[in-house]
Amino acid sequence: MADASKTGTSEMLAATFNFAVEVDGIEIAFFREASGLSMEVEVIEHQVVNKSGQQITQKLAGHRQMGEITLKKSMDGGTLWTDWLKEVQSGKWQTYRRNGSIKMYDTSGQTVIAQWNFKNGWPKSWSASDLDASADDVSVEEVVITHEGLERAKS
């Protein structure tokens, strides 16, 4: 019988609304949106002549490419992201690179059902919603984290 965790038939289905971000082992906050959890391998095409004398295109795996992680959450009084960005801007390269995780929880919020780990990440940008006295929207902050590696952790 096939392992359900590898076939997509698990009873523990993932909801996209329940996830948190952890940096250097400390769970920071639950966020309303995360994007850029992507991995890709560059394709290098190489023209060769096979034993029969036919010209063929051989495809080889090239560099790994990873998306930058964009996080959005309701703005609160915290300054973690802007403080971290200040470290980057002041050139404190010995300390600003950090490891972290995006953890997806089950609908009860108790069990981690998926996790992506990034290494040597740092915020490349931070922004807040436009301020508008005539609107009734919740202010949102957005941070973009660039990193040197992303991998899916084993559950």
C-alpha atoms as a PDB file:
ATOM      1  CA  MET A   1       0.000   0.000   0.000  1.00  0.00           C
ATOM      2  CA  ALA A   2       1.290   3.490  -0.834  1.00  0.00           C
ATOM      3  CA  ASP A   3       2.377   5.862   1.931  1.00  0.00           C
ATOM      4  CA  ALA A   4      -0.468   8.415   2.219  1.00  0.00           C
ATOM      5  CA  SER A   5       1.943  11.220   3.142  1.00  0.00           C
ATOM      6  CA  LYS A   6       3.584  10.895  -0.281  1.00  0.00           C
ATOM      7  CA  THR A   7       0.482  10.459  -2.431  1.00  0.00           C
ATOM      8  CA  GLY A   8      -1.546  13.493  -1.435  1.00  0.00           C
ATOM      9  CA  THR A   9      -4.289  11.427   0.138  1.00  0.00           C
ATOM     10  CA  SER A  10      -3.570  12.322   3.753  1.00  0.00           C
ATOM     11  CA  GLU A  11      -6.516  13.054   6.025  1.00  0.00           C
ATOM     12  CA  MET A  12      -4.492  15.990   7.396  1.00  0.00           C
ATOM     13  CA  LEU A  13      -5.252  18.477   4.636  1.00  0.00           C
ATOM     14  CA  ALA A  14      -3.419  21.792   4.683  1.00  0.00           C
ATOM     15  CA  ALA A  15      -5.366  24.997   5.121  1.00  0.00           C
ATOM     16  CA  THR A  16      -3.547  28.086   3.899  1.00  0.00           C
ATOM     17  CA  PHE A  17      -4.703  30.345   6.725  1.00  0.00           C
ATOM     18  CA  ASN A  18      -2.809  28.962   9.725  1.00  0.00           C
ATOM     19  CA  PHE A  19       0.942  29.560   9.597  1.00  0.00           C
ATOM     20  CA  ALA A  20       3.660  31.270  11.588  1.00  0.00           C
ATOM     21  CA  VAL A  21       7.180  32.555  10.994  1.00  0.00           C
ATOM     22  CA  GLU A  22      10.118  31.575  13.144  1.00  0.00           C
ATOM     23  CA  VAL A  23      13.549  33.263  13.039  1.00  0.00           C
ATOM     24  CA  ASP A  24      16.557  31.831  14.888  1.00  0.00           C
ATOM     25  CA  GLY A  25      14.315  29.404  16.779  1.00  0.00           C
ATOM     26  CA  ILE A  26      11.881  32.064  18.043  1.00  0.00           C
ATOM     27  CA  GLU A  27       8.322  32.033  16.730  1.00  0.00           C
ATOM     28  CA  ILE A  28       7.666  35.643  15.807  1.00  0.00           C
ATOM     29  CA  ALA A  29       4.060  35.887  14.731  1.00  0.00           C
ATOM     30  CA  PHE A  30       1.209  34.462  12.751  1.00  0.00           C
ATOM     31  CA  PHE A  31       0.927  36.184   9.389  1.00  0.00           C
ATOM     32  CA  ARG A  32      -1.964  36.787   7.062  1.00  0.00           C
ATOM     33  CA  GLU A  33      -0.036  36.013   3.867  1.00  0.00           C
ATOM     34  CA  ALA A  34       3.221  34.408   2.754  1.00  0.00           C
ATOM     35  CA  SER A  35       4.374  34.061  -0.832  1.00  0.00           C
ATOM     36  CA  GLY A  36       7.574  33.139  -2.630  1.00  0.00           C
ATOM     37  CA  LEU A  37       7.888  29.640  -1.223  1.00  0.00           C
ATOM     38  CA  SER A  38       9.329  28.335  -4.451  1.00  0.00           C
ATOM     39  CA  MET A  39      12.313  26.360  -5.713  1.00  0.00           C
ATOM     40  CA  GLU A  40      13.447  25.870  -9.259  1.00  0.00           C
ATOM     41  CA  VAL A  41      16.432  24.437 -11.108  1.00  0.00           C
ATOM     42  CA  GLU A  42      17.798  26.350 -14.081  1.00  0.00           C
ATOM     43  CA  VAL A  43      17.878  24.307 -17.304  1.00  0.00           C
ATOM     44  CA  ILE A  44      21.067  24.424 -19.364  1.00  0.00           C
ATOM     45  CA  GLU A  45      20.621  23.315 -22.948  1.00  0.00           C
ATOM     46  CA  HIS A  46      23.679  21.852 -24.626  1.00  0.00           C
ATOM     47  CA  GLN A  47      23.870  20.862 -28.301  1.00  0.00           C
ATOM     48  CA  VAL A  48      25.654  17.523 -28.870  1.00  0.00           C
ATOM     49  CA  VAL A  49      26.050  14.980 -31.628  1.00  0.00           C
ATOM     50  CA  ASN A  50      25.074  11.455 -30.602  1.00  0.00           C
ATOM     51  CA  LYS A  51      26.715   8.186 -31.743  1.00  0.00           C
ATOM     52  CA  SER A  52      24.424   8.070 -34.798  1.00  0.00           C
ATOM     53  CA  GLY A  53      25.607  11.493 -35.929  1.00  0.00           C
ATOM     54  CA  GLN A  54      22.342  13.223 -35.057  1.00  0.00           C
ATOM     55  CA  GLN A  55      22.421  16.608 -33.394  1.00  0.00           C
ATOM     56  CA  ILE A  56      20.376  16.569 -30.205  1.00  0.00           C
ATOM     57  CA  THR A  57      19.699  18.958 -27.377  1.00  0.00           C
ATOM     58  CA  GLN A  58      20.842  17.647 -24.059  1.00  0.00           C
ATOM     59  CA  LYS A  59      19.338  19.267 -20.979  1.00  0.00           C
ATOM     60  CA  LEU A  60      21.378  19.578 -17.799  1.00  0.00           C
ATOM     61  CA  ALA A  61      20.511  20.824 -14.335  1.00  0.00           C
ATOM     62  CA  GLY A  62      22.014  24.225 -13.562  1.00  0.00           C
ATOM     63  CA  HIS A  63      21.859  26.559 -10.595  1.00  0.00           C
ATOM     64  CA  ARG A  64      19.119  26.267  -8.004  1.00  0.00           C
ATOM     65  CA  GLN A  65      16.912  29.330  -7.782  1.00  0.00           C
ATOM     66  CA  MET A  66      14.677  30.219  -4.874  1.00  0.00           C
ATOM     67  CA  GLY A  67      11.951  32.810  -4.591  1.00  0.00           C
ATOM     68  CA  GLU A  68      12.169  35.652  -2.130  1.00  0.00           C
ATOM     69  CA  ILE A  69       9.733  35.250   0.748  1.00  0.00           C
ATOM     70  CA  THR A  70       7.122  37.995   1.079  1.00  0.00           C
ATOM     71  CA  LEU A  71       5.271  38.167   4.396  1.00  0.00           C
ATOM     72  CA  LYS A  72       2.244  40.303   5.226  1.00  0.00           C
ATOM     73  CA  LYS A  73       0.604  40.820   8.580  1.00  0.00           C
ATOM     74  CA  SER A  74      -1.602  43.276  10.402  1.00  0.00           C
ATOM     75  CA  MET A  75       0.491  46.092  11.727  1.00  0.00           C
ATOM     76  CA  ASP A  76       1.014  46.251  15.463  1.00  0.00           C
ATOM     77  CA  GLY A  77       3.435  48.108  17.723  1.00  0.00           C
ATOM     78  CA  GLY A  78       6.326  45.732  17.050  1.00  0.00           C
ATOM     79  CA  THR A  79       9.539  46.937  15.410  1.00  0.00           C
ATOM     80  CA  LEU A  80      11.255  43.585  14.842  1.00  0.00           C
ATOM     81  CA  TRP A  81      11.278  43.840  11.048  1.00  0.00           C
ATOM     82  CA  THR A  82      12.409  47.461  10.851  1.00  0.00           C
ATOM     83  CA  ASP A  83      15.077  46.877  13.534  1.00  0.00           C
ATOM     84  CA  TRP A  84      16.390  43.910  11.559  1.00  0.00           C
ATOM     85  CA  LEU A  85      16.389  45.976   8.366  1.00  0.00           C
ATOM     86  CA  LYS A  86      18.381  48.706  10.186  1.00  0.00           C
ATOM     87  CA  GLU A  87      21.038  46.067  10.957  1.00  0.00           C
ATOM     88  CA  VAL A  88      21.239  45.262   7.254  1.00  0.00           C
ATOM     89  CA  GLN A  89      21.401  48.928   6.250  1.00  0.00           C
ATOM     90  CA  SER A  90      24.186  49.635   8.752  1.00  0.00           C
ATOM     91  CA  GLY A  91      26.302  46.806   7.292  1.00  0.00           C
ATOM     92  CA  LYS A  92      26.338  44.500  10.316  1.00  0.00           C
ATOM     93  CA  TRP A  93      26.899  41.504   8.050  1.00  0.00           C
ATOM     94  CA  GLN A  94      28.210  39.361  10.925  1.00  0.00           C
ATOM     95  CA  THR A  95      24.774  39.337  12.584  1.00  0.00           C
ATOM     96  CA  TYR A  96      22.015  40.160  10.089  1.00  0.00           C
ATOM     97  CA  ARG A  97      21.947  36.808   8.282  1.00  0.00           C
ATOM     98  CA  ARG A  98      19.525  34.529  10.113  1.00  0.00           C
ATOM     99  CA  ASN A  99      17.898  31.154   9.647  1.00  0.00           C
ATOM    100  CA  GLY A 100      14.155  30.758   9.858  1.00  0.00           C
ATOM    101  CA  SER A 101      11.081  28.737   9.052  1.00  0.00           C
ATOM    102  CA  ILE A 102       7.562  29.130   7.776  1.00  0.00           C
ATOM    103  CA  LYS A 103       5.413  26.632   9.695  1.00  0.00           C
ATOM    104  CA  MET A 104       1.961  25.598   8.518  1.00  0.00           C
ATOM    105  CA  TYR A 105      -0.333  24.308  11.253  1.00  0.00           C
ATOM    106  CA  ASP A 106      -3.387  22.096  11.101  1.00  0.00           C
ATOM    107  CA  THR A 107      -6.793  23.710  11.582  1.00  0.00           C
ATOM    108  CA  SER A 108      -6.533  23.334  15.371  1.00  0.00           C
ATOM    109  CA  GLY A 109      -3.300  25.359  15.362  1.00  0.00           C
ATOM    110  CA  GLN A 110      -1.533  22.676  17.407  1.00  0.00           C
ATOM    111  CA  THR A 111       0.337  20.458  14.942  1.00  0.00           C
ATOM    112  CA  VAL A 112       2.878  21.538  12.317  1.00  0.00           C
ATOM    113  CA  ILE A 113       1.921  19.768   9.094  1.00  0.00           C
ATOM    114  CA  ALA A 114       4.366  21.472   6.727  1.00  0.00           C
ATOM    115  CA  GLN A 115       7.509  23.516   7.196  1.00  0.00           C
ATOM    116  CA  TRP A 116       9.895  25.386   4.919  1.00  0.00           C
ATOM    117  CA  ASN A 117      13.314  26.367   6.272  1.00  0.00           C
ATOM    118  CA  PHE A 118      15.368  29.226   4.878  1.00  0.00           C
ATOM    119  CA  LYS A 119      19.025  29.869   5.628  1.00  0.00           C
ATOM    120  CA  ASN A 120      21.055  33.062   5.823  1.00  0.00           C
ATOM    121  CA  GLY A 121      17.980  35.203   5.278  1.00  0.00           C
ATOM    122  CA  TRP A 122      17.635  38.937   5.784  1.00  0.00           C
ATOM    123  CA  PRO A 123      14.969  41.538   5.047  1.00  0.00           C
ATOM    124  CA  LYS A 124      15.610  43.393   1.810  1.00  0.00           C
ATOM    125  CA  SER A 125      12.556  45.612   2.145  1.00  0.00           C
ATOM    126  CA  TRP A 126       9.760  46.632   4.482  1.00  0.00           C
ATOM    127  CA  SER A 127       6.629  48.635   3.721  1.00  0.00           C
ATOM    128  CA  ALA A 128       3.349  49.608   5.349  1.00  0.00           C
ATOM    129  CA  SER A 129      -0.116  50.219   3.932  1.00  0.00           C
ATOM    130  CA  ASP A 130      -0.960  53.690   2.746  1.00  0.00           C
ATOM    131  CA  LEU A 131      -2.519  55.769   5.493  1.00  0.00           C
ATOM    132  CA  ASP A 132      -5.967  57.097   4.611  1.00  0.00           C
ATOM    133  CA  ALA A 133      -8.213  58.784   7.172  1.00  0.00           C
ATOM    134  CA  SER A 134     -11.316  58.052   5.078  1.00  0.00           C
ATOM    135  CA  ALA A 135     -10.716  54.284   4.946  1.00  0.00           C
ATOM    136  CA  ASP A 136     -11.602  51.656   7.525  1.00  0.00           C
ATOM    137  CA  ASP A 137      -8.984  49.072   6.485  1.00  0.00           C
ATOM    138  CA  VAL A 138      -6.532  47.413   8.862  1.00  0.00           C
ATOM    139  CA  SER A 139      -2.988  48.645   8.298  1.00  0.00           C
ATOM    140  CA  VAL A 140      -0.727  45.913   6.911  1.00  0.00           C
ATOM    141  CA  GLU A 141       3.050  45.654   6.981  1.00  0.00           C
ATOM    142  CA  GLU A 142       4.993  43.727   4.369  1.00  0.00           C
ATOM    143  CA  VAL A 143       8.546  42.425   4.577  1.00  0.00           C
ATOM    144  CA  VAL A 144      10.510  40.707   1.803  1.00  0.00           C
ATOM    145  CA  ILE A 145      13.171  38.243   2.944  1.00  0.00           C
ATOM    146  CA  THR A 146      15.947  37.217   0.610  1.00  0.00           C
ATOM    147  CA  HIS A 147      17.900  34.089   1.514  1.00  0.00           C
ATOM    148  CA  GLU A 148      20.555  31.623   0.408  1.00  0.00           C
ATOM    149  CA  GLY A 149      18.512  28.449   0.525  1.00  0.00           C
ATOM    150  CA  LEU A 150      14.998  27.112   1.010  1.00  0.00           C
ATOM    151  CA  GLU A 151      14.012  23.541   1.644  1.00  0.00           C
ATOM    152  CA  ARG A 152      10.912  21.669   2.694  1.00  0.00           C
ATOM    153  CA  ALA A 153      11.449  20.023   6.067  1.00  0.00           C
ATOM    154  CA  LYS A 154      10.460  16.412   6.551  1.00  0.00           C
ATOM    155  CA  SER A 155       7.264  16.033   8.578  1.00  0.00           C
END
